[in-house]
C-alpha atoms as a PDB file:
ATOM      1  CA  MET A   1     -23.635-116.917  79.899  1.00  0.00           C
ATOM      2  CA  LYS A   2     -26.304-116.832  77.215  1.00  0.00           C
ATOM      3  CA  LYS A   3     -24.076-114.494  75.130  1.00  0.00           C
ATOM      4  CA  TRP A   4     -21.312-117.120  75.517  1.00  0.00           C
ATOM      5  CA  PHE A   5     -23.576-119.898  74.576  1.00  0.00           C
ATOM      6  CA  PHE A   6     -24.741-118.166  71.370  1.00  0.00           C
ATOM      7  CA  PHE A   7     -21.144-117.042  70.494  1.00  0.00           C
ATOM      8  CA  SER A   8     -20.120-120.753  70.760  1.00  0.00           C
ATOM      9  CA  ILE A   9     -22.768-121.801  68.460  1.00  0.00           C
ATOM     10  CA  SER A  10     -21.945-119.235  65.985  1.00  0.00           C
ATOM     11  CA  ALA A  11     -18.186-119.905  66.204  1.00  0.00           C
ATOM     12  CA  SER A  12     -18.874-123.623  65.657  1.00  0.00           C
ATOM     13  CA  ILE A  13     -21.090-122.977  62.652  1.00  0.00           C
ATOM     14  CA  ILE A  14     -18.385-120.673  61.129  1.00  0.00           C
ATOM     15  CA  PHE A  15     -15.761-123.279  61.623  1.00  0.00           C
ATOM     16  CA  LEU A  16     -17.689-126.010  59.901  1.00  0.00           C
ATOM     17  CA  SER A  17     -18.532-123.610  57.064  1.00  0.00           C
ATOM     18  CA  ILE A  18     -14.771-122.757  56.616  1.00  0.00           C
ATOM     19  CA  THR A  19     -13.787-126.432  56.780  1.00  0.00           C
ATOM     20  CA  ALA A  20     -16.395-127.348  54.072  1.00  0.00           C
ATOM     21  CA  SER A  21     -15.116-124.749  51.871  1.00  0.00           C
ATOM     22  CA  PHE A  22     -11.775-126.476  51.550  1.00  0.00           C
ATOM     23  CA  CYS A  23     -13.369-129.946  50.733  1.00  0.00           C
ATOM     24  CA  LEU A  24     -13.996-131.054  47.268  1.00  0.00           C
ATOM     25  CA  ALA A  25     -17.158-129.749  45.554  1.00  0.00           C
ATOM     26  CA  ASP A  26     -18.564-133.212  45.073  1.00  0.00           C
ATOM     27  CA  ASN A  27     -18.689-133.835  48.822  1.00  0.00           C
ATOM     28  CA  SER A  28     -22.150-133.276  50.464  1.00  0.00           C
ATOM     29  CA  TYR A  29     -22.737-131.222  53.346  1.00  0.00           C
ATOM     30  CA  GLY A  30     -25.888-130.542  55.626  1.00  0.00           C
ATOM     31  CA  LEU A  31     -26.491-127.846  58.302  1.00  0.00           C
ATOM     32  CA  LEU A  32     -29.460-127.972  60.748  1.00  0.00           C
ATOM     33  CA  LEU A  33     -30.327-125.307  63.226  1.00  0.00           C
ATOM     34  CA  THR A  34     -32.473-125.780  66.371  1.00  0.00           C
ATOM     35  CA  SER A  35     -33.827-123.297  69.122  1.00  0.00           C
ATOM     36  CA  GLU A  36     -34.242-125.957  71.847  1.00  0.00           C
ATOM     37  CA  ASN A  37     -31.837-125.918  74.806  1.00  0.00           C
ATOM     38  CA  LYS A  38     -32.135-129.509  75.586  1.00  0.00           C
ATOM     39  CA  ALA A  39     -29.453-132.228  75.928  1.00  0.00           C
ATOM     40  CA  ASP A  40     -31.559-134.560  73.477  1.00  0.00           C
ATOM     41  CA  SER A  41     -32.311-131.827  71.001  1.00  0.00           C
ATOM     42  CA  LYS A  42     -31.507-132.358  67.396  1.00  0.00           C
ATOM     43  CA  PRO A  43     -28.024-131.547  66.142  1.00  0.00           C
ATOM     44  CA  ILE A  44     -27.500-127.653  65.325  1.00  0.00           C
ATOM     45  CA  ALA A  45     -25.059-128.647  62.740  1.00  0.00           C
ATOM     46  CA  THR A  46     -24.141-131.721  60.760  1.00  0.00           C
ATOM     47  CA  PHE A  47     -21.079-132.112  58.570  1.00  0.00           C
ATOM     48  CA  VAL A  48     -21.059-135.085  56.220  1.00  0.00           C
ATOM     49  CA  THR A  49     -18.321-136.248  53.912  1.00  0.00           C
ATOM     50  CA  ASN A  50     -19.252-138.921  51.069  1.00  0.00           C
ATOM     51  CA  GLN A  51     -16.883-141.176  49.333  1.00  0.00           C
ATOM     52  CA  LYS A  52     -16.770-141.459  45.588  1.00  0.00           C
ATOM     53  CA  SER A  53     -18.291-144.305  43.623  1.00  0.00           C
ATOM     54  CA  PRO A  54     -15.907-146.057  41.301  1.00  0.00           C
ATOM     55  CA  VAL A  55     -18.680-147.298  39.189  1.00  0.00           C
ATOM     56  CA  LYS A  56     -19.966-143.759  38.717  1.00  0.00           C
ATOM     57  CA  ALA A  57     -16.465-142.434  38.042  1.00  0.00           C
ATOM     58  CA  PHE A  58     -16.026-145.353  35.442  1.00  0.00           C
ATOM     59  CA  LEU A  59     -19.259-144.605  33.691  1.00  0.00           C
ATOM     60  CA  PHE A  60     -18.528-140.658  33.667  1.00  0.00           C
ATOM     61  CA  SER A  61     -15.228-141.298  31.770  1.00  0.00           C
ATOM     62  CA  ALA A  62     -16.279-144.031  29.519  1.00  0.00           C
ATOM     63  CA  ALA A  63     -18.913-141.447  28.196  1.00  0.00           C
ATOM     64  CA  VAL A  64     -16.791-138.367  28.322  1.00  0.00           C
ATOM     65  CA  PRO A  65     -13.018-139.021  29.036  1.00  0.00           C
ATOM     66  CA  GLY A  66     -11.763-136.898  32.171  1.00  0.00           C
ATOM     67  CA  THR A  67     -15.251-136.285  33.661  1.00  0.00           C
ATOM     68  CA  GLY A  68     -14.769-139.326  36.092  1.00  0.00           C
ATOM     69  CA  GLU A  69     -11.410-137.951  36.976  1.00  0.00           C
ATOM     70  CA  LEU A  70     -12.880-134.486  37.803  1.00  0.00           C
ATOM     71  CA  TYR A  71     -15.631-136.293  39.749  1.00  0.00           C
ATOM     72  CA  THR A  72     -13.028-137.958  41.942  1.00  0.00           C
ATOM     73  CA  GLY A  73     -11.187-134.637  42.230  1.00  0.00           C
ATOM     74  CA  SER A  74      -8.108-135.856  40.208  1.00  0.00           C
ATOM     75  CA  PRO A  75      -6.466-133.039  38.068  1.00  0.00           C
ATOM     76  CA  LYS A  76      -5.708-135.672  35.442  1.00  0.00           C
ATOM     77  CA  GLY A  77      -9.166-135.111  34.162  1.00  0.00           C
ATOM     78  CA  ILE A  78      -8.206-132.075  32.535  1.00  0.00           C
ATOM     79  CA  ALA A  79      -5.483-133.902  30.418  1.00  0.00           C
ATOM     80  CA  PHE A  80      -7.948-136.610  29.316  1.00  0.00           C
ATOM     81  CA  ILE A  81     -10.418-133.990  28.199  1.00  0.00           C
ATOM     82  CA  ALA A  82      -7.725-132.095  26.335  1.00  0.00           C
ATOM     83  CA  THR A  83      -6.662-135.306  24.648  1.00  0.00           C
ATOM     84  CA  GLU A  84     -10.223-136.113  23.611  1.00  0.00           C
ATOM     85  CA  VAL A  85     -10.518-132.687  21.948  1.00  0.00           C
ATOM     86  CA  ALA A  86      -7.402-132.983  20.276  1.00  0.00           C
ATOM     87  CA  PHE A  87      -8.098-136.609  18.923  1.00  0.00           C
ATOM     88  CA  TRP A  88     -11.420-135.592  17.583  1.00  0.00           C
ATOM     89  CA  THR A  89     -10.112-132.308  15.975  1.00  0.00           C
ATOM     90  CA  THR A  90      -7.386-134.380  14.277  1.00  0.00           C
ATOM     91  CA  TYR A  91      -9.817-137.003  13.093  1.00  0.00           C
ATOM     92  CA  VAL A  92     -12.214-134.356  11.560  1.00  0.00           C
ATOM     93  CA  VAL A  93      -9.286-132.643   9.778  1.00  0.00           C
ATOM     94  CA  LEU A  94      -7.796-135.931   8.464  1.00  0.00           C
ATOM     95  CA  HIS A  95     -11.369-137.326   7.392  1.00  0.00           C
ATOM     96  CA  GLY A  96     -12.154-134.036   5.622  1.00  0.00           C
ATOM     97  CA  ARG A  97      -8.712-134.063   3.867  1.00  0.00           C
ATOM     98  CA  SER A  98      -9.156-137.713   2.828  1.00  0.00           C
ATOM     99  CA  LYS A  99     -12.610-136.823   1.212  1.00  0.00           C
ATOM    100  CA  ASP A 100     -11.028-133.861  -0.594  1.00  0.00           C
ATOM    101  CA  LEU A 101      -8.294-135.950  -1.940  1.00  0.00           C
ATOM    102  CA  ASN A 102     -10.602-138.744  -2.999  1.00  0.00           C
ATOM    103  CA  SER A 103     -12.686-136.240  -4.940  1.00  0.00           C
ATOM    104  CA  SER A 104      -9.685-134.784  -6.644  1.00  0.00           C
ATOM    105  CA  TYR A 105      -8.669-138.220  -7.561  1.00  0.00           C
ATOM    106  CA  LYS A 106     -11.910-139.200  -9.126  1.00  0.00           C
ATOM    107  CA  LYS A 107     -12.041-135.872 -10.989  1.00  0.00           C
ATOM    108  CA  TYR A 108      -8.462-136.384 -12.311  1.00  0.00           C
ATOM    109  CA  VAL A 109      -9.394-139.862 -13.576  1.00  0.00           C
ATOM    110  CA  LYS A 110     -12.539-138.557 -15.100  1.00  0.00           C
ATOM    111  CA  GLU A 111     -10.538-136.008 -17.139  1.00  0.00           C
ATOM    112  CA  HIS A 112      -7.688-138.194 -18.242  1.00  0.00           C
ATOM    113  CA  ILE A 113      -9.330-141.209 -19.666  1.00  0.00           C
ATOM    114  CA  ALA A 114     -11.183-141.599 -22.975  1.00  0.00           C
ATOM    115  CA  PHE A 115     -13.618-144.195 -24.344  1.00  0.00           C
ATOM    116  CA  ILE A 116     -14.006-146.240 -27.527  1.00  0.00           C
ATOM    117  CA  VAL A 117     -17.645-146.435 -28.459  1.00  0.00           C
ATOM    118  CA  ASP A 118     -18.595-149.203 -30.947  1.00  0.00           C
ATOM    119  CA  GLU A 119     -21.053-151.956 -31.315  1.00  0.00           C
ATOM    120  CA  GLU A 120     -19.769-153.649 -28.259  1.00  0.00           C
ATOM    121  CA  SER A 121     -19.912-150.773 -25.823  1.00  0.00           C
ATOM    122  CA  LYS A 122     -21.934-147.547 -25.982  1.00  0.00           C
ATOM    123  CA  VAL A 123     -20.407-146.314 -22.693  1.00  0.00           C
ATOM    124  CA  ASN A 124     -18.640-142.825 -23.048  1.00  0.00           C
ATOM    125  CA  SER A 125     -18.248-141.565 -19.304  1.00  0.00           C
ATOM    126  CA  VAL A 126     -17.711-142.769 -15.868  1.00  0.00           C
ATOM    127  CA  ASP A 127     -21.171-141.900 -14.556  1.00  0.00           C
ATOM    128  CA  ASN A 128     -21.947-145.500 -13.601  1.00  0.00           C
ATOM    129  CA  TRP A 129     -18.420-146.164 -12.047  1.00  0.00           C
ATOM    130  CA  ASN A 130     -18.087-146.934  -8.278  1.00  0.00           C
ATOM    131  CA  MET A 131     -15.092-146.364  -6.085  1.00  0.00           C
ATOM    132  CA  GLU A 132     -13.724-149.902  -6.964  1.00  0.00           C
ATOM    133  CA  ASP A 133     -13.900-149.249 -10.690  1.00  0.00           C
ATOM    134  CA  TYR A 134     -11.884-146.149 -10.204  1.00  0.00           C
ATOM    135  CA  GLU A 135      -9.151-148.123  -8.346  1.00  0.00           C
ATOM    136  CA  HIS A 136      -9.111-150.820 -11.050  1.00  0.00           C
ATOM    137  CA  ALA A 137      -8.889-148.242 -13.843  1.00  0.00           C
ATOM    138  CA  THR A 138      -5.775-146.929 -12.083  1.00  0.00           C
ATOM    139  CA  GLN A 139      -4.174-150.450 -12.074  1.00  0.00           C
ATOM    140  CA  THR A 140      -4.278-150.693 -15.652  1.00  0.00           C
ATOM    141  CA  GLY A 141      -3.896-148.814 -18.850  1.00  0.00           C
ATOM    142  CA  ASN A 142      -7.111-149.732 -20.531  1.00  0.00           C
ATOM    143  CA  TRP A 143     -10.176-151.827 -20.260  1.00  0.00           C
ATOM    144  CA  HIS A 144      -8.323-155.020 -20.784  1.00  0.00           C
ATOM    145  CA  TYR A 145      -8.186-156.041 -17.063  1.00  0.00           C
ATOM    146  CA  ILE A 146      -9.849-159.095 -15.626  1.00  0.00           C
ATOM    147  CA  TYR A 147     -11.985-157.178 -13.202  1.00  0.00           C
ATOM    148  CA  MET A 148     -13.203-154.872 -15.947  1.00  0.00           C
ATOM    149  CA  GLU A 149     -13.569-156.983 -19.067  1.00  0.00           C
ATOM    150  CA  LYS A 150     -16.295-159.106 -17.479  1.00  0.00           C
ATOM    151  CA  ASP A 151     -18.520-155.832 -16.953  1.00  0.00           C
ATOM    152  CA  ILE A 152     -17.641-154.123 -20.126  1.00  0.00           C
ATOM    153  CA  GLU A 153     -21.255-153.108 -20.886  1.00  0.00           C
ATOM    154  CA  ARG A 154     -21.415-150.994 -17.736  1.00  0.00           C
ATOM    155  CA  LEU A 155     -17.800-149.795 -17.555  1.00  0.00           C
ATOM    156  CA  GLY A 156     -17.014-149.190 -21.171  1.00  0.00           C
ATOM    157  CA  LYS A 157     -13.892-149.432 -23.320  1.00  0.00           C
ATOM    158  CA  PHE A 158     -11.752-146.946 -21.420  1.00  0.00           C
ATOM    159  CA  TYR A 159      -8.026-146.146 -21.953  1.00  0.00           C
ATOM    160  CA  TRP A 160      -5.645-143.367 -20.601  1.00  0.00           C
ATOM    161  CA  LYS A 161      -5.473-140.515 -22.999  1.00  0.00           C
ATOM    162  CA  ASP A 162      -1.520-140.532 -23.030  1.00  0.00           C
ATOM    163  CA  LEU A 163      -1.531-144.268 -23.914  1.00  0.00           C
ATOM    164  CA  PRO A 164       0.233-144.806 -27.389  1.00  0.00           C
ATOM    165  CA  GLN A 165      -2.206-145.536 -29.975  1.00  0.00           C
ATOM    166  CA  ASP A 166      -0.678-148.878 -30.811  1.00  0.00           C
ATOM    167  CA  LYS A 167      -1.360-149.949 -27.308  1.00  0.00           C
ATOM    168  CA  ILE A 168      -4.987-148.830 -26.805  1.00  0.00           C
ATOM    169  CA  ASP A 169      -6.377-152.146 -27.796  1.00  0.00           C
ATOM    170  CA  GLU A 170      -3.557-154.422 -26.015  1.00  0.00           C
ATOM    171  CA  PRO A 171      -3.435-155.664 -22.422  1.00  0.00           C
ATOM    172  CA  GLY A 172      -2.192-152.620 -20.451  1.00  0.00           C
ATOM    173  CA  GLU A 173      -1.531-153.753 -16.961  1.00  0.00           C
ATOM    174  CA  ASP A 174       2.064-152.930 -17.188  1.00  0.00           C
ATOM    175  CA  ILE A 175       1.971-149.824 -19.092  1.00  0.00           C
ATOM    176  CA  MET A 176       2.402-146.883 -16.625  1.00  0.00           C
ATOM    177  CA  THR A 177       1.748-143.738 -18.398  1.00  0.00           C
ATOM    178  CA  PRO A 178       2.294-140.280 -16.785  1.00  0.00           C
ATOM    179  CA  TYR A 179      -1.374-139.812 -16.459  1.00  0.00           C
ATOM    180  CA  ARG A 180      -1.910-143.122 -14.750  1.00  0.00           C
ATOM    181  CA  ALA A 181       1.284-142.592 -12.639  1.00  0.00           C
ATOM    182  CA  GLU A 182      -0.301-139.230 -11.231  1.00  0.00           C
ATOM    183  CA  ALA A 183      -3.736-140.873 -10.636  1.00  0.00           C
ATOM    184  CA  TYR A 184      -2.069-143.665  -8.659  1.00  0.00           C
ATOM    185  CA  SER A 185      -0.224-141.031  -6.694  1.00  0.00           C
ATOM    186  CA  LYS A 186      -3.405-139.204  -5.885  1.00  0.00           C
ATOM    187  CA  ARG A 187      -5.267-142.328  -4.859  1.00  0.00           C
ATOM    188  CA  GLY A 188      -2.362-143.233  -2.575  1.00  0.00           C
ATOM    189  CA  SER A 189      -2.492-139.894  -0.808  1.00  0.00           C
ATOM    190  CA  ALA A 190      -6.329-140.234  -0.182  1.00  0.00           C
ATOM    191  CA  ASN A 191      -5.858-143.598   1.168  1.00  0.00           C
ATOM    192  CA  THR A 192      -3.081-142.670   3.543  1.00  0.00           C
ATOM    193  CA  LYS A 193      -5.152-139.725   4.884  1.00  0.00           C
ATOM    194  CA  TYR A 194      -8.159-142.114   5.339  1.00  0.00           C
ATOM    195  CA  LYS A 195      -5.918-144.788   7.129  1.00  0.00           C
ATOM    196  CA  GLN A 196      -4.582-141.822   9.570  1.00  0.00           C
ATOM    197  CA  ALA A 197      -8.198-140.898  10.421  1.00  0.00           C
ATOM    198  CA  LYS A 198      -9.088-144.418  11.232  1.00  0.00           C
ATOM    199  CA  ILE A 199      -5.991-144.733  13.476  1.00  0.00           C
ATOM    200  CA  CYS A 200      -7.009-141.445  15.122  1.00  0.00           C
ATOM    201  CA  LEU A 201     -10.601-142.885  15.665  1.00  0.00           C
ATOM    202  CA  SER A 202      -9.105-145.925  17.340  1.00  0.00           C
ATOM    203  CA  LEU A 203      -7.056-143.744  19.711  1.00  0.00           C
ATOM    204  CA  ILE A 204     -10.343-141.952  20.750  1.00  0.00           C
ATOM    205  CA  VAL A 205     -11.634-145.380  21.877  1.00  0.00           C
ATOM    206  CA  VAL A 206      -8.547-146.050  23.552  1.00  0.00           C
ATOM    207  CA  ASN A 207      -8.648-142.731  25.379  1.00  0.00           C
ATOM    208  CA  HIS A 208     -12.243-143.464  26.578  1.00  0.00           C
ATOM    209  CA  LEU A 209     -11.068-146.877  27.948  1.00  0.00           C
ATOM    210  CA  VAL A 210      -8.028-145.766  29.594  1.00  0.00           C
ATOM    211  CA  SER A 211      -9.621-142.720  31.177  1.00  0.00           C
ATOM    212  CA  ALA A 212     -12.579-144.970  32.573  1.00  0.00           C
ATOM    213  CA  ILE A 213     -10.069-147.360  34.116  1.00  0.00           C
ATOM    214  CA  ASP A 214      -8.068-144.511  35.574  1.00  0.00           C
ATOM    215  CA  ALA A 215     -11.180-142.682  37.002  1.00  0.00           C
ATOM    216  CA  ARG A 216     -12.248-146.054  38.665  1.00  0.00           C
ATOM    217  CA  LEU A 217      -8.754-146.277  40.221  1.00  0.00           C
ATOM    218  CA  SER A 218      -8.695-142.590  41.341  1.00  0.00           C
ATOM    219  CA  ALA A 219     -12.053-143.155  43.110  1.00  0.00           C
ATOM    220  CA  MET A 220     -10.704-146.177  44.888  1.00  0.00           C
ATOM    221  CA  PHE A 221      -7.467-144.162  45.797  1.00  0.00           C
ATOM    222  CA  HIS A 222      -9.694-141.268  47.018  1.00  0.00           C
ATOM    223  CA  ASN A 223     -11.781-143.655  49.232  1.00  0.00           C
ATOM    224  CA  LYS A 224      -8.620-145.179  50.582  1.00  0.00           C
ATOM    225  CA  GLN A 225      -7.263-141.752  51.441  1.00  0.00           C
ATOM    226  CA  THR A 226     -10.518-140.743  53.530  1.00  0.00           C
ATOM    227  CA  LEU A 227      -9.980-144.095  55.586  1.00  0.00           C
ATOM    228  CA  GLN A 228     -13.799-144.308  55.860  1.00  0.00           C
ATOM    229  CA  THR A 229     -16.841-144.598  53.836  1.00  0.00           C
ATOM    230  CA  ASN A 230     -18.887-141.833  55.536  1.00  0.00           C
ATOM    231  CA  THR A 231     -17.936-139.411  58.176  1.00  0.00           C
ATOM    232  CA  ALA A 232     -20.406-137.307  60.087  1.00  0.00           C
ATOM    233  CA  ILE A 233     -19.735-134.630  62.653  1.00  0.00           C
ATOM    234  CA  SER A 234     -22.667-133.492  64.709  1.00  0.00           C
ATOM    235  CA  ILE A 235     -22.969-130.632  67.153  1.00  0.00           C
ATOM    236  CA  ARG A 236     -25.664-130.765  69.888  1.00  0.00           C
ATOM    237  CA  PRO A 237     -26.324-127.978  72.608  1.00  0.00           C
ATOM    238  CA  PHE A 238     -26.808-128.874  76.306  1.00  0.00           C
ATOM    239  CA  ILE A 239     -27.358-127.221  79.681  1.00  0.00           C
ATOM    240  CA  THR A 240     -26.317-128.779  82.970  1.00  0.00           C
ATOM    241  CA  PRO A 241     -28.434-128.683  86.112  1.00  0.00           C
ATOM    242  CA  SER A 242     -26.314-125.862  87.289  1.00  0.00           C
ATOM    243  CA  ASN A 243     -27.312-123.876  84.376  1.00  0.00           C
ATOM    244  CA  GLU A 244     -24.103-124.278  82.418  1.00  0.00           C
ATOM    245  CA  SER A 245     -24.360-124.410  78.701  1.00  0.00           C
ATOM    246  CA  GLY A 246     -22.128-126.276  76.163  1.00  0.00           C
ATOM    247  CA  LEU A 247     -21.976-128.209  72.979  1.00  0.00           C
ATOM    248  CA  TYR A 248     -21.702-132.019  72.296  1.00  0.00           C
ATOM    249  CA  VAL A 249     -19.379-132.687  69.332  1.00  0.00           C
ATOM    250  CA  THR A 250     -20.048-136.294  67.858  1.00  0.00           C
ATOM    251  CA  LEU A 251     -17.995-137.992  65.251  1.00  0.00           C
ATOM    252  CA  ASN A 252     -19.854-140.876  63.585  1.00  0.00           C
ATOM    253  CA  ASN A 253     -18.042-143.382  61.229  1.00  0.00           C
ATOM    254  CA  VAL A 254     -20.166-145.927  59.249  1.00  0.00           C
ATOM    255  CA  PHE A 255     -18.372-148.780  57.705  1.00  0.00           C
END
């Protein structure tokens, strides 16, 4: 009889272990053994299943898209993580390309403009120019531009090297020389990549938000599927007055 009693206990423990192995890794399990053969003894085994917190799932995915879904056991988490990696990779590439194109544009402008040095202006380089100055220079053939004439002492009397000699000292907003056209094209390419990088960054934010909302919904769906907030299965040994042994199996639901 004792052999059968211990065999029953062992079989029950093995059964609970196998059942636990098929459950989600985030579920919590406990196992308690006792040597007391009393009806009021502590459980020899306890199996507990916990529900998922929608708040935790939301926060996990808000921080790192996909982690909230993995927490709830949803396979969609892998897709969100892959999307996040793809967006960040694309952003880094586009942003880097934008910086390279911008540097190329500034270098081109520097190499294809010249300066008139006289009593009014001693400037002979673009060393003091900012990005806005480069853009204004690209919009005109020479320094006769409303945004540049007012700051001639800093910017200098510049003109594009392929500008006709008789046009160097004339208003040149409408004079589109080949050098200026190329500079305009280079600036446009740099701006395009920069805008694409900004769009990609916006998509990253959207991915965080969508993943967070989806993770919360996944947690709620998971909890609804389990039909209970907390389920506990307890096994207790007992011995009858006639020296018969057995096990109490108790299912506890907490709502």
